[in-house]
N, C-alpha and C. Protein backbone atom coordinates (compact mmCIF):
# COMPACT_ATOMS: atom_id res chain seq x y z
N PRO A 1 -73.94 16.51 34.36
CA PRO A 1 -72.61 17.05 34.20
C PRO A 1 -71.58 15.93 34.19
N PRO A 2 -70.52 16.10 33.42
CA PRO A 2 -69.47 15.06 33.36
C PRO A 2 -68.69 15.02 34.67
N GLY A 3 -68.10 13.85 34.91
CA GLY A 3 -67.34 13.65 36.14
C GLY A 3 -65.90 14.15 36.01
N ALA A 4 -65.13 13.94 37.06
CA ALA A 4 -63.73 14.38 37.09
C ALA A 4 -62.89 13.49 36.16
N PRO A 5 -61.79 14.04 35.62
CA PRO A 5 -60.93 13.21 34.76
C PRO A 5 -60.33 12.05 35.55
N GLY A 6 -60.12 10.92 34.89
CA GLY A 6 -59.59 9.73 35.52
C GLY A 6 -58.06 9.78 35.65
N LEU A 7 -57.51 8.74 36.29
CA LEU A 7 -56.07 8.62 36.47
C LEU A 7 -55.42 8.23 35.14
N PRO A 8 -54.09 8.56 34.99
CA PRO A 8 -53.43 8.16 33.75
C PRO A 8 -53.37 6.64 33.65
N GLY A 9 -53.38 6.14 32.43
CA GLY A 9 -53.35 4.70 32.20
C GLY A 9 -51.93 4.14 32.29
N PRO A 10 -51.81 2.79 32.26
CA PRO A 10 -50.48 2.15 32.32
C PRO A 10 -49.73 2.41 31.02
N PRO A 11 -48.40 2.26 31.05
CA PRO A 11 -47.62 2.46 29.81
C PRO A 11 -48.09 1.49 28.74
N GLY A 12 -48.00 1.96 27.52
CA GLY A 12 -48.47 1.16 26.39
C GLY A 12 -47.45 0.12 25.95
N SER A 13 -47.87 -0.74 25.06
CA SER A 13 -47.02 -1.80 24.52
C SER A 13 -46.09 -1.21 23.46
N SER A 14 -44.85 -1.80 23.35
CA SER A 14 -43.91 -1.31 22.34
C SER A 14 -44.30 -1.80 20.96
N LEU A 15 -45.33 -2.66 20.88
CA LEU A 15 -45.77 -3.11 19.57
C LEU A 15 -46.49 -2.01 18.81
N PHE A 16 -46.96 -1.02 19.52
CA PHE A 16 -47.67 0.08 18.89
C PHE A 16 -46.99 1.39 19.25
N PRO A 17 -45.83 1.65 18.61
CA PRO A 17 -45.11 2.89 18.97
C PRO A 17 -45.90 4.12 18.56
N GLY A 18 -45.81 5.09 19.40
CA GLY A 18 -46.48 6.35 19.13
C GLY A 18 -45.47 7.46 19.01
N PRO A 19 -45.92 8.68 18.77
CA PRO A 19 -44.98 9.79 18.57
C PRO A 19 -44.22 10.15 19.85
N HIS A 20 -44.72 9.78 21.02
CA HIS A 20 -44.05 10.16 22.26
C HIS A 20 -43.29 9.01 22.90
N ARG A 21 -43.20 7.88 22.23
CA ARG A 21 -42.51 6.72 22.79
C ARG A 21 -41.02 6.82 22.51
N GLN A 22 -40.24 6.28 23.44
CA GLN A 22 -38.79 6.23 23.25
C GLN A 22 -38.42 4.93 22.55
N SER A 23 -37.52 5.03 21.59
CA SER A 23 -37.06 3.81 20.92
C SER A 23 -35.68 3.45 21.45
N ILE A 24 -35.42 2.19 21.62
CA ILE A 24 -34.13 1.72 22.11
C ILE A 24 -33.46 0.97 20.97
N ALA A 25 -32.23 1.37 20.64
CA ALA A 25 -31.49 0.72 19.56
C ALA A 25 -30.82 -0.54 20.09
N VAL A 26 -31.12 -1.65 19.47
CA VAL A 26 -30.51 -2.92 19.85
C VAL A 26 -29.61 -3.33 18.68
N PRO A 27 -28.30 -3.51 18.94
CA PRO A 27 -27.43 -3.89 17.82
C PRO A 27 -27.77 -5.27 17.31
N GLY A 28 -27.72 -5.40 16.00
CA GLY A 28 -28.01 -6.69 15.36
C GLY A 28 -26.73 -7.49 15.15
N PRO A 29 -26.85 -8.60 14.49
CA PRO A 29 -25.66 -9.42 14.24
C PRO A 29 -24.74 -8.73 13.23
N PRO A 30 -23.45 -9.11 13.22
CA PRO A 30 -22.54 -8.49 12.25
C PRO A 30 -22.94 -8.84 10.82
N GLY A 31 -22.61 -7.97 9.91
CA GLY A 31 -22.93 -8.19 8.50
C GLY A 31 -21.96 -9.16 7.85
N PRO A 32 -22.18 -9.44 6.58
CA PRO A 32 -21.29 -10.36 5.87
C PRO A 32 -19.93 -9.71 5.64
N PRO A 33 -18.89 -10.54 5.40
CA PRO A 33 -17.57 -9.96 5.14
C PRO A 33 -17.58 -9.14 3.85
N GLY A 34 -16.69 -8.19 3.79
CA GLY A 34 -16.58 -7.33 2.61
C GLY A 34 -15.97 -8.06 1.43
N PRO A 35 -15.92 -7.39 0.29
CA PRO A 35 -15.34 -8.02 -0.90
C PRO A 35 -13.83 -8.21 -0.73
N PRO A 36 -13.27 -9.16 -1.45
CA PRO A 36 -11.82 -9.37 -1.34
C PRO A 36 -11.05 -8.16 -1.84
N GLY A 37 -9.82 -8.04 -1.39
CA GLY A 37 -8.98 -6.93 -1.81
C GLY A 37 -8.58 -7.05 -3.28
N ILE A 38 -7.90 -6.05 -3.75
CA ILE A 38 -7.46 -6.02 -5.14
C ILE A 38 -6.36 -7.05 -5.33
N PRO A 39 -6.52 -7.96 -6.31
CA PRO A 39 -5.46 -8.96 -6.52
C PRO A 39 -4.23 -8.35 -7.16
N GLY A 40 -3.17 -9.09 -7.15
CA GLY A 40 -1.94 -8.64 -7.79
C GLY A 40 -0.78 -8.77 -6.85
N VAL A 41 0.38 -8.48 -7.36
CA VAL A 41 1.59 -8.52 -6.57
C VAL A 41 1.63 -7.27 -5.73
N SER A 42 1.96 -7.42 -4.49
CA SER A 42 1.99 -6.27 -3.60
C SER A 42 3.03 -5.27 -4.05
N GLY A 43 2.66 -4.04 -4.04
CA GLY A 43 3.62 -3.00 -4.39
C GLY A 43 4.39 -2.51 -3.18
N GLY A 44 4.20 -3.20 -2.04
CA GLY A 44 4.89 -2.76 -0.86
C GLY A 44 4.41 -1.41 -0.45
N SER A 45 5.30 -0.56 0.01
CA SER A 45 4.91 0.77 0.41
C SER A 45 5.08 1.78 -0.70
N SER A 46 5.28 1.32 -1.90
CA SER A 46 5.52 2.24 -3.01
C SER A 46 4.25 2.96 -3.44
N GLY A 47 3.10 2.45 -3.08
CA GLY A 47 1.85 3.08 -3.48
C GLY A 47 1.44 2.71 -4.89
N VAL A 48 2.10 1.78 -5.53
CA VAL A 48 1.77 1.34 -6.88
C VAL A 48 1.08 -0.01 -6.80
N THR A 49 -0.06 -0.14 -7.49
CA THR A 49 -0.74 -1.43 -7.58
C THR A 49 -0.17 -2.15 -8.79
N VAL A 50 0.31 -3.37 -8.57
CA VAL A 50 0.90 -4.15 -9.65
C VAL A 50 -0.08 -5.24 -10.04
N LEU A 51 -0.49 -5.24 -11.32
CA LEU A 51 -1.44 -6.23 -11.83
C LEU A 51 -0.82 -6.97 -13.00
N GLN A 52 -1.24 -8.22 -13.19
CA GLN A 52 -0.68 -9.04 -14.26
C GLN A 52 -1.14 -8.60 -15.65
N THR A 53 -2.44 -8.29 -15.78
CA THR A 53 -2.98 -8.03 -17.13
C THR A 53 -3.77 -6.72 -17.19
N TYR A 54 -3.88 -6.22 -18.40
CA TYR A 54 -4.66 -5.01 -18.68
C TYR A 54 -6.14 -5.29 -18.37
N HIS A 55 -6.60 -6.49 -18.72
CA HIS A 55 -7.99 -6.87 -18.47
C HIS A 55 -8.31 -6.82 -16.97
N THR A 56 -7.38 -7.29 -16.14
CA THR A 56 -7.58 -7.24 -14.69
C THR A 56 -7.73 -5.80 -14.23
N MET A 57 -6.90 -4.91 -14.77
CA MET A 57 -6.98 -3.49 -14.39
C MET A 57 -8.36 -2.93 -14.73
N LEU A 58 -8.86 -3.25 -15.93
CA LEU A 58 -10.17 -2.73 -16.33
C LEU A 58 -11.28 -3.30 -15.45
N SER A 59 -11.16 -4.57 -15.06
CA SER A 59 -12.21 -5.17 -14.24
C SER A 59 -12.20 -4.61 -12.82
N LEU A 60 -11.07 -4.08 -12.37
CA LEU A 60 -10.98 -3.51 -11.02
C LEU A 60 -11.14 -1.99 -11.00
N ALA A 61 -11.42 -1.40 -12.13
CA ALA A 61 -11.43 0.06 -12.25
C ALA A 61 -12.28 0.75 -11.19
N ARG A 62 -13.46 0.26 -10.92
CA ARG A 62 -14.37 0.93 -9.98
C ARG A 62 -13.89 0.78 -8.53
N ARG A 63 -13.04 -0.22 -8.25
CA ARG A 63 -12.55 -0.41 -6.88
C ARG A 63 -11.25 0.34 -6.61
N LEU A 64 -10.63 0.86 -7.64
CA LEU A 64 -9.40 1.63 -7.46
C LEU A 64 -9.75 3.10 -7.26
N PRO A 65 -9.18 3.76 -6.27
CA PRO A 65 -9.50 5.18 -6.05
C PRO A 65 -8.85 6.05 -7.12
N GLU A 66 -9.44 7.20 -7.35
CA GLU A 66 -8.84 8.16 -8.28
C GLU A 66 -7.44 8.51 -7.78
N GLY A 67 -6.49 8.57 -8.70
CA GLY A 67 -5.12 8.87 -8.35
C GLY A 67 -4.26 7.64 -8.14
N ALA A 68 -4.87 6.44 -8.14
CA ALA A 68 -4.10 5.21 -7.97
C ALA A 68 -3.18 5.00 -9.17
N ILE A 69 -1.96 4.56 -8.89
CA ILE A 69 -0.99 4.26 -9.94
C ILE A 69 -0.99 2.74 -10.12
N VAL A 70 -1.08 2.29 -11.38
CA VAL A 70 -1.16 0.86 -11.67
C VAL A 70 -0.08 0.49 -12.68
N LEU A 71 0.69 -0.55 -12.36
CA LEU A 71 1.67 -1.11 -13.29
C LEU A 71 1.08 -2.39 -13.84
N VAL A 72 0.94 -2.48 -15.18
CA VAL A 72 0.42 -3.68 -15.83
C VAL A 72 1.62 -4.45 -16.38
N LEU A 73 1.88 -5.62 -15.78
CA LEU A 73 3.09 -6.37 -16.10
C LEU A 73 3.11 -6.90 -17.53
N GLU A 74 1.97 -7.37 -18.06
CA GLU A 74 1.98 -7.96 -19.39
C GLU A 74 2.37 -6.94 -20.46
N ARG A 75 2.15 -5.67 -20.20
CA ARG A 75 2.47 -4.62 -21.17
C ARG A 75 3.65 -3.75 -20.74
N SER A 76 4.09 -3.91 -19.50
CA SER A 76 5.12 -3.04 -18.93
C SER A 76 4.72 -1.57 -19.09
N GLU A 77 3.45 -1.29 -18.75
CA GLU A 77 2.91 0.06 -18.88
C GLU A 77 2.40 0.55 -17.53
N LEU A 78 2.43 1.86 -17.36
CA LEU A 78 2.00 2.50 -16.12
C LEU A 78 0.77 3.35 -16.42
N PHE A 79 -0.22 3.28 -15.51
CA PHE A 79 -1.47 4.02 -15.68
C PHE A 79 -1.81 4.75 -14.38
N VAL A 80 -2.60 5.81 -14.50
CA VAL A 80 -3.14 6.50 -13.33
C VAL A 80 -4.66 6.47 -13.46
N ARG A 81 -5.33 6.17 -12.35
CA ARG A 81 -6.80 6.12 -12.34
C ARG A 81 -7.33 7.54 -12.28
N VAL A 82 -8.20 7.87 -13.22
CA VAL A 82 -8.85 9.18 -13.27
C VAL A 82 -10.36 8.99 -13.13
N ARG A 83 -11.10 10.07 -13.15
CA ARG A 83 -12.54 10.02 -12.85
C ARG A 83 -13.30 8.99 -13.67
N ASP A 84 -13.11 8.95 -14.96
CA ASP A 84 -13.91 8.06 -15.80
C ASP A 84 -13.10 6.94 -16.44
N GLY A 85 -11.93 6.62 -15.88
CA GLY A 85 -11.14 5.54 -16.47
C GLY A 85 -9.69 5.62 -16.05
N PHE A 86 -8.80 5.43 -17.02
CA PHE A 86 -7.37 5.45 -16.78
C PHE A 86 -6.68 6.33 -17.82
N ARG A 87 -5.55 6.89 -17.44
CA ARG A 87 -4.68 7.59 -18.39
C ARG A 87 -3.33 6.91 -18.34
N LYS A 88 -2.78 6.66 -19.52
CA LYS A 88 -1.48 6.01 -19.62
C LYS A 88 -0.39 7.03 -19.29
N ILE A 89 0.56 6.62 -18.47
CA ILE A 89 1.70 7.47 -18.13
C ILE A 89 2.84 7.09 -19.08
N LEU A 90 3.28 8.04 -19.87
CA LEU A 90 4.36 7.76 -20.82
C LEU A 90 5.68 7.78 -20.08
N LEU A 91 6.45 6.74 -20.29
CA LEU A 91 7.72 6.59 -19.61
C LEU A 91 8.86 6.93 -20.56
N GLY A 92 10.02 7.19 -19.99
CA GLY A 92 11.20 7.51 -20.78
C GLY A 92 11.86 6.27 -21.35
N GLN A 93 13.12 6.42 -21.70
CA GLN A 93 13.89 5.36 -22.34
C GLN A 93 13.99 4.13 -21.45
N TYR A 94 13.98 2.97 -22.07
CA TYR A 94 14.07 1.69 -21.37
C TYR A 94 15.54 1.29 -21.22
N PHE A 95 15.91 0.87 -20.03
CA PHE A 95 17.27 0.38 -19.77
C PHE A 95 17.15 -1.06 -19.28
N SER A 96 17.83 -1.96 -19.97
CA SER A 96 17.76 -3.38 -19.64
C SER A 96 18.79 -3.74 -18.58
N PHE A 97 18.44 -4.72 -17.74
CA PHE A 97 19.37 -5.22 -16.74
C PHE A 97 20.10 -6.47 -17.21
N ASN A 98 19.97 -6.84 -18.48
CA ASN A 98 20.53 -8.10 -18.92
C ASN A 98 22.04 -8.05 -19.12
N GLY A 99 22.68 -6.94 -18.91
CA GLY A 99 24.13 -6.84 -18.97
C GLY A 99 24.68 -6.49 -20.34
N GLU A 100 23.86 -6.51 -21.38
CA GLU A 100 24.35 -6.15 -22.70
C GLU A 100 24.48 -4.63 -22.78
N GLY A 101 25.51 -4.19 -23.45
CA GLY A 101 25.75 -2.76 -23.54
C GLY A 101 24.79 -2.06 -24.49
N GLN A 102 24.60 -0.79 -24.27
CA GLN A 102 23.75 0.03 -25.12
C GLN A 102 24.58 0.85 -26.12
N GLY A 103 25.92 0.73 -26.01
CA GLY A 103 26.77 1.51 -26.91
C GLY A 103 27.09 2.89 -26.37
N ASN A 104 26.60 3.20 -25.18
CA ASN A 104 26.86 4.52 -24.62
C ASN A 104 27.59 4.43 -23.28
N GLU A 105 28.28 3.30 -23.06
CA GLU A 105 28.98 3.12 -21.80
C GLU A 105 30.28 3.92 -21.80
N VAL A 106 30.71 4.29 -20.63
CA VAL A 106 31.96 5.03 -20.46
C VAL A 106 32.84 4.21 -19.52
N ALA A 107 34.08 4.03 -19.93
CA ALA A 107 35.01 3.29 -19.08
C ALA A 107 35.35 4.13 -17.87
N VAL A 108 35.37 3.51 -16.72
CA VAL A 108 35.69 4.20 -15.49
C VAL A 108 37.07 3.72 -15.04
N GLU A 109 37.94 4.66 -14.81
CA GLU A 109 39.28 4.31 -14.36
C GLU A 109 39.23 4.02 -12.86
N GLN A 110 40.01 3.02 -12.48
CA GLN A 110 40.11 2.69 -11.06
C GLN A 110 40.84 3.83 -10.36
N PRO A 111 40.39 4.23 -9.19
CA PRO A 111 41.09 5.30 -8.48
C PRO A 111 42.51 4.86 -8.13
N PRO A 112 43.43 5.79 -8.07
CA PRO A 112 44.81 5.41 -7.78
C PRO A 112 44.95 4.88 -6.35
N ILE A 113 45.87 3.96 -6.18
CA ILE A 113 46.17 3.41 -4.86
C ILE A 113 47.33 4.21 -4.29
N VAL A 114 47.12 4.77 -3.14
CA VAL A 114 48.14 5.59 -2.50
C VAL A 114 48.74 4.78 -1.35
N HIS A 115 50.07 4.59 -1.39
CA HIS A 115 50.76 3.86 -0.33
C HIS A 115 51.35 4.88 0.64
N TYR A 116 51.02 4.75 1.90
CA TYR A 116 51.56 5.63 2.93
C TYR A 116 52.76 4.93 3.56
N PRO A 117 53.86 5.64 3.80
CA PRO A 117 55.02 5.02 4.43
C PRO A 117 54.70 4.63 5.87
N ARG A 118 55.23 3.47 6.27
CA ARG A 118 55.04 2.99 7.64
C ARG A 118 56.23 3.44 8.47
N GLU A 119 55.99 3.52 9.75
CA GLU A 119 57.09 3.75 10.68
C GLU A 119 57.95 2.50 10.67
N PRO A 120 59.26 2.59 10.73
CA PRO A 120 60.09 1.39 10.65
C PRO A 120 59.84 0.41 11.79
N ARG A 121 59.48 0.89 12.98
CA ARG A 121 59.29 -0.01 14.12
C ARG A 121 57.84 -0.50 14.24
N GLU A 122 56.95 -0.06 13.40
CA GLU A 122 55.54 -0.43 13.49
C GLU A 122 55.34 -1.84 12.94
N PRO A 123 54.83 -2.78 13.75
CA PRO A 123 54.64 -4.14 13.24
C PRO A 123 53.45 -4.19 12.28
N ILE A 124 53.44 -5.13 11.39
CA ILE A 124 52.33 -5.34 10.47
C ILE A 124 51.40 -6.35 11.11
N LEU A 125 50.17 -5.97 11.37
CA LEU A 125 49.17 -6.86 11.96
C LEU A 125 48.21 -7.30 10.87
N LEU A 126 48.17 -8.61 10.64
CA LEU A 126 47.26 -9.12 9.65
C LEU A 126 45.86 -9.30 10.21
N HIS A 127 45.78 -9.64 11.48
CA HIS A 127 44.48 -9.72 12.15
C HIS A 127 44.71 -9.47 13.62
N HIS A 128 43.66 -9.18 14.32
CA HIS A 128 43.79 -8.83 15.72
C HIS A 128 43.49 -10.05 16.58
N GLU A 129 44.38 -10.36 17.47
CA GLU A 129 44.15 -11.44 18.44
C GLU A 129 44.28 -10.83 19.82
N PRO A 130 43.41 -11.23 20.75
CA PRO A 130 43.51 -10.66 22.10
C PRO A 130 44.81 -11.13 22.78
N ILE A 131 45.38 -10.24 23.52
CA ILE A 131 46.60 -10.56 24.26
C ILE A 131 46.18 -11.01 25.64
N LEU A 132 46.61 -12.22 26.01
CA LEU A 132 46.24 -12.76 27.31
C LEU A 132 47.29 -12.42 28.33
N GLN A 133 46.88 -11.95 29.46
CA GLN A 133 47.79 -11.61 30.56
C GLN A 133 47.81 -12.78 31.54
N PRO A 134 49.02 -13.20 32.07
CA PRO A 134 49.06 -14.27 33.07
C PRO A 134 48.49 -13.85 34.40
């Protein structure tokens, strides 16, 4: 007849994990740095990405999220990023800041100057100086 069952054995080595072994997560070293950000002139808080060239916009297409607004300086054109590319945003009339007239200016009259009568005893103060007391 067989004998009595023996005592349980010592814990096993972690080199041979089994289905009932506990695994301990040990954090590894940090990964490499991420890719550089999108180049271009900062749009500040306007939410518009400003890029120098159309070619740059196309090369960054996959890194721009859908809905991103892009101003391409070389063309002075505005685009919105959509699922499979870009759509051009058509802008209205162009107004130049160079000071030349467009032929549609209106002369503005200076508002009238209203003189209020002064009290005869009221002195005219050109500037305020503190009065020193002895």
